[in-house]
Amino acid sequence: MLVLSYPHIEKSDNQPARLQRLPRIRVAQIVMDYLAYGWSVDEMCCQHFT
């Protein structure tokens, strides 16, 4: 069985996955923005981390 580890993402029981460094940002929000807007990694950083 393959177990993946993402050290920059936190996931607690009954809570959405969040970025460890910026817990107000949920991983689902990043995925939805990518799917809706097609933002590049650089654009995601500009939109979420500034």
PDB file of N, CA and C in Angstrom:
ATOM      1  N   MET A   1       0.829  -1.173   0.000  1.00  0.00           N
ATOM      2  CA  MET A   1       0.000   0.000   0.000  1.00  0.00           C
ATOM      3  C   MET A   1       0.879   1.245   0.000  1.00  0.00           C
ATOM      4  N   LEU A   2       0.593   2.164  -0.887  1.00  0.00           N
ATOM      5  CA  LEU A   2       1.355   3.394  -1.021  1.00  0.00           C
ATOM      6  C   LEU A   2       0.733   4.487  -0.154  1.00  0.00           C
ATOM      7  N   VAL A   3       1.552   5.108   0.675  1.00  0.00           N
ATOM      8  CA  VAL A   3       1.089   6.197   1.537  1.00  0.00           C
ATOM      9  C   VAL A   3       1.798   7.468   1.099  1.00  0.00           C
ATOM     10  N   LEU A   4       1.022   8.481   0.753  1.00  0.00           N
ATOM     11  CA  LEU A   4       1.595   9.751   0.341  1.00  0.00           C
ATOM     12  C   LEU A   4       1.645  10.707   1.519  1.00  0.00           C
ATOM     13  N   SER A   5       2.684  11.510   1.554  1.00  0.00           N
ATOM     14  CA  SER A   5       2.850  12.486   2.616  1.00  0.00           C
ATOM     15  C   SER A   5       3.053  13.858   2.002  1.00  0.00           C
ATOM     16  N   TYR A   6       2.306  14.827   2.489  1.00  0.00           N
ATOM     17  CA  TYR A   6       2.433  16.205   2.037  1.00  0.00           C
ATOM     18  C   TYR A   6       2.710  17.053   3.270  1.00  0.00           C
ATOM     19  N   PRO A   7       3.978  17.325   3.575  1.00  0.00           N
ATOM     20  CA  PRO A   7       4.317  17.999   4.829  1.00  0.00           C
ATOM     21  C   PRO A   7       3.803  19.433   4.930  1.00  0.00           C
ATOM     22  N   HIS A   8       3.435  20.051   3.837  1.00  0.00           N
ATOM     23  CA  HIS A   8       2.943  21.425   3.860  1.00  0.00           C
ATOM     24  C   HIS A   8       1.427  21.517   4.016  1.00  0.00           C
ATOM     25  N   ILE A   9       0.753  20.368   4.141  1.00  0.00           N
ATOM     26  CA  ILE A   9      -0.698  20.333   4.283  1.00  0.00           C
ATOM     27  C   ILE A   9      -1.064  19.663   5.602  1.00  0.00           C
ATOM     28  N   GLU A  10      -1.989  20.280   6.333  1.00  0.00           N
ATOM     29  CA  GLU A  10      -2.490  19.703   7.582  1.00  0.00           C
ATOM     30  C   GLU A  10      -3.916  19.227   7.378  1.00  0.00           C
ATOM     31  N   LYS A  11      -4.242  18.096   7.982  1.00  0.00           N
ATOM     32  CA  LYS A  11      -5.600  17.556   7.920  1.00  0.00           C
ATOM     33  C   LYS A  11      -5.952  16.977   9.273  1.00  0.00           C
ATOM     34  N   SER A  12      -6.877  17.642   9.977  1.00  0.00           N
ATOM     35  CA  SER A  12      -7.365  17.154  11.267  1.00  0.00           C
ATOM     36  C   SER A  12      -8.691  16.439  11.053  1.00  0.00           C
ATOM     37  N   ASP A  13      -9.059  15.613  12.008  1.00  0.00           N
ATOM     38  CA  ASP A  13     -10.343  14.916  11.927  1.00  0.00           C
ATOM     39  C   ASP A  13     -11.482  15.919  11.821  1.00  0.00           C
ATOM     40  N   ASN A  14     -12.399  15.653  10.933  1.00  0.00           N
ATOM     41  CA  ASN A  14     -13.593  16.477  10.732  1.00  0.00           C
ATOM     42  C   ASN A  14     -13.297  17.926  10.353  1.00  0.00           C
ATOM     43  N   GLN A  15     -12.127  18.189   9.802  1.00  0.00           N
ATOM     44  CA  GLN A  15     -11.748  19.522   9.354  1.00  0.00           C
ATOM     45  C   GLN A  15     -11.232  19.430   7.924  1.00  0.00           C
ATOM     46  N   PRO A  16     -11.419  20.488   7.128  1.00  0.00           N
ATOM     47  CA  PRO A  16     -10.874  20.457   5.767  1.00  0.00           C
ATOM     48  C   PRO A  16      -9.341  20.549   5.789  1.00  0.00           C
ATOM     49  N   ALA A  17      -8.719  20.029   4.768  1.00  0.00           N
ATOM     50  CA  ALA A  17      -7.266  20.119   4.640  1.00  0.00           C
ATOM     51  C   ALA A  17      -6.885  21.581   4.421  1.00  0.00           C
ATOM     52  N   ARG A  18      -5.831  22.007   5.106  1.00  0.00           N
ATOM     53  CA  ARG A  18      -5.383  23.400   5.035  1.00  0.00           C
ATOM     54  C   ARG A  18      -3.874  23.449   4.855  1.00  0.00           C
ATOM     55  N   LEU A  19      -3.401  24.589   4.362  1.00  0.00           N
ATOM     56  CA  LEU A  19      -1.969  24.792   4.262  1.00  0.00           C
ATOM     57  C   LEU A  19      -1.405  25.012   5.658  1.00  0.00           C
ATOM     58  N   GLN A  20      -0.289  24.380   5.961  1.00  0.00           N
ATOM     59  CA  GLN A  20       0.293  24.463   7.287  1.00  0.00           C
ATOM     60  C   GLN A  20       0.748  25.888   7.592  1.00  0.00           C
ATOM     61  N   ARG A  21       1.382  26.534   6.643  1.00  0.00           N
ATOM     62  CA  ARG A  21       1.920  27.875   6.869  1.00  0.00           C
ATOM     63  C   ARG A  21       0.831  28.938   6.935  1.00  0.00           C
ATOM     64  N   LEU A  22      -0.252  28.751   6.191  1.00  0.00           N
ATOM     65  CA  LEU A  22      -1.363  29.704   6.144  1.00  0.00           C
ATOM     66  C   LEU A  22      -2.667  28.950   6.357  1.00  0.00           C
ATOM     67  N   PRO A  23      -3.031  28.648   7.594  1.00  0.00           N
ATOM     68  CA  PRO A  23      -4.173  27.783   7.862  1.00  0.00           C
ATOM     69  C   PRO A  23      -5.524  28.347   7.413  1.00  0.00           C
ATOM     70  N   ARG A  24      -5.604  29.628   7.101  1.00  0.00           N
ATOM     71  CA  ARG A  24      -6.875  30.176   6.622  1.00  0.00           C
ATOM     72  C   ARG A  24      -7.177  29.724   5.189  1.00  0.00           C
ATOM     73  N   ILE A  25      -6.174  29.202   4.486  1.00  0.00           N
ATOM     74  CA  ILE A  25      -6.353  28.777   3.098  1.00  0.00           C
ATOM     75  C   ILE A  25      -6.555  27.270   3.050  1.00  0.00           C
ATOM     76  N   ARG A  26      -7.730  26.870   2.563  1.00  0.00           N
ATOM     77  CA  ARG A  26      -8.036  25.449   2.430  1.00  0.00           C
ATOM     78  C   ARG A  26      -7.521  24.933   1.092  1.00  0.00           C
ATOM     79  N   VAL A  27      -7.113  23.696   1.088  1.00  0.00           N
ATOM     80  CA  VAL A  27      -6.637  23.058  -0.133  1.00  0.00           C
ATOM     81  C   VAL A  27      -7.761  23.025  -1.168  1.00  0.00           C
ATOM     82  N   ALA A  28      -8.993  22.801  -0.727  1.00  0.00           N
ATOM     83  CA  ALA A  28     -10.130  22.762  -1.654  1.00  0.00           C
ATOM     84  C   ALA A  28     -10.286  24.090  -2.389  1.00  0.00           C
ATOM     85  N   GLN A  29     -10.002  25.207  -1.725  1.00  0.00           N
ATOM     86  CA  GLN A  29     -10.111  26.513  -2.370  1.00  0.00           C
ATOM     87  C   GLN A  29      -9.080  26.657  -3.488  1.00  0.00           C
ATOM     88  N   ILE A  30      -7.883  26.179  -3.251  1.00  0.00           N
ATOM     89  CA  ILE A  30      -6.841  26.236  -4.278  1.00  0.00           C
ATOM     90  C   ILE A  30      -7.247  25.390  -5.475  1.00  0.00           C
ATOM     91  N   VAL A  31      -7.787  24.210  -5.219  1.00  0.00           N
ATOM     92  CA  VAL A  31      -8.224  23.329  -6.312  1.00  0.00           C
ATOM     93  C   VAL A  31      -9.369  23.966  -7.092  1.00  0.00           C
ATOM     94  N   MET A  32     -10.337  24.548  -6.389  1.00  0.00           N
ATOM     95  CA  MET A  32     -11.474  25.186  -7.073  1.00  0.00           C
ATOM     96  C   MET A  32     -11.009  26.368  -7.925  1.00  0.00           C
ATOM     97  N   ASP A  33     -10.068  27.155  -7.415  1.00  0.00           N
ATOM     98  CA  ASP A  33      -9.544  28.280  -8.186  1.00  0.00           C
ATOM     99  C   ASP A  33      -8.812  27.801  -9.429  1.00  0.00           C
ATOM    100  N   TYR A  34      -8.062  26.730  -9.291  1.00  0.00           N
ATOM    101  CA  TYR A  34      -7.360  26.175 -10.448  1.00  0.00           C
ATOM    102  C   TYR A  34      -8.359  25.714 -11.508  1.00  0.00           C
ATOM    103  N   LEU A  35      -9.384  24.992 -11.078  1.00  0.00           N
ATOM    104  CA  LEU A  35     -10.375  24.477 -12.025  1.00  0.00           C
ATOM    105  C   LEU A  35     -11.212  25.590 -12.648  1.00  0.00           C
ATOM    106  N   ALA A  36     -11.583  26.588 -11.859  1.00  0.00           N
ATOM    107  CA  ALA A  36     -12.452  27.659 -12.351  1.00  0.00           C
ATOM    108  C   ALA A  36     -11.704  28.661 -13.228  1.00  0.00           C
ATOM    109  N   TYR A  37     -10.480  29.028 -12.812  1.00  0.00           N
ATOM    110  CA  TYR A  37      -9.768  30.105 -13.491  1.00  0.00           C
ATOM    111  C   TYR A  37      -8.565  29.647 -14.287  1.00  0.00           C
ATOM    112  N   GLY A  38      -8.093  28.432 -14.041  1.00  0.00           N
ATOM    113  CA  GLY A  38      -6.923  27.928 -14.754  1.00  0.00           C
ATOM    114  C   GLY A  38      -5.649  28.663 -14.366  1.00  0.00           C
ATOM    115  N   TRP A  39      -5.619  29.203 -13.137  1.00  0.00           N
ATOM    116  CA  TRP A  39      -4.462  29.972 -12.701  1.00  0.00           C
ATOM    117  C   TRP A  39      -3.209  29.122 -12.644  1.00  0.00           C
ATOM    118  N   SER A  40      -2.085  29.730 -13.011  1.00  0.00           N
ATOM    119  CA  SER A  40      -0.779  29.082 -12.884  1.00  0.00           C
ATOM    120  C   SER A  40      -0.354  29.122 -11.416  1.00  0.00           C
ATOM    121  N   VAL A  41       0.734  28.459 -11.098  1.00  0.00           N
ATOM    122  CA  VAL A  41       1.256  28.474  -9.732  1.00  0.00           C
ATOM    123  C   VAL A  41       1.592  29.903  -9.322  1.00  0.00           C
ATOM    124  N   ASP A  42       2.218  30.650 -10.220  1.00  0.00           N
ATOM    125  CA  ASP A  42       2.570  32.045  -9.910  1.00  0.00           C
ATOM    126  C   ASP A  42       1.329  32.886  -9.640  1.00  0.00           C
ATOM    127  N   GLU A  43       0.282  32.702 -10.439  1.00  0.00           N
ATOM    128  CA  GLU A  43      -0.945  33.462 -10.238  1.00  0.00           C
ATOM    129  C   GLU A  43      -1.630  33.063  -8.936  1.00  0.00           C
ATOM    130  N   MET A  44      -1.595  31.774  -8.600  1.00  0.00           N
ATOM    131  CA  MET A  44      -2.157  31.333  -7.316  1.00  0.00           C
ATOM    132  C   MET A  44      -1.457  32.033  -6.160  1.00  0.00           C
ATOM    133  N   CYS A  45      -0.143  32.107  -6.229  1.00  0.00           N
ATOM    134  CA  CYS A  45       0.615  32.775  -5.171  1.00  0.00           C
ATOM    135  C   CYS A  45       0.237  34.243  -5.083  1.00  0.00           C
ATOM    136  N   CYS A  46       0.077  34.891  -6.212  1.00  0.00           N
ATOM    137  CA  CYS A  46      -0.310  36.310  -6.208  1.00  0.00           C
ATOM    138  C   CYS A  46      -1.709  36.479  -5.615  1.00  0.00           C
ATOM    139  N   GLN A  47      -2.619  35.605  -5.925  1.00  0.00           N
ATOM    140  CA  GLN A  47      -4.003  35.729  -5.471  1.00  0.00           C
ATOM    141  C   GLN A  47      -4.182  35.367  -3.997  1.00  0.00           C
ATOM    142  N   HIS A  48      -3.439  34.384  -3.516  1.00  0.00           N
ATOM    143  CA  HIS A  48      -3.666  33.872  -2.161  1.00  0.00           C
ATOM    144  C   HIS A  48      -2.661  34.329  -1.123  1.00  0.00           C
ATOM    145  N   PHE A  49      -1.455  34.622  -1.521  1.00  0.00           N
ATOM    146  CA  PHE A  49      -0.390  34.806  -0.541  1.00  0.00           C
ATOM    147  C   PHE A  49       0.156  36.224  -0.467  1.00  0.00           C
ATOM    148  N   THR A  50      -0.544  37.186  -1.040  1.00  0.00           N
ATOM    149  CA  THR A  50      -0.060  38.570  -0.943  1.00  0.00           C
ATOM    150  C   THR A  50      -1.004  39.408  -0.141  1.00  0.00           C
TER     151      THR A  50
END
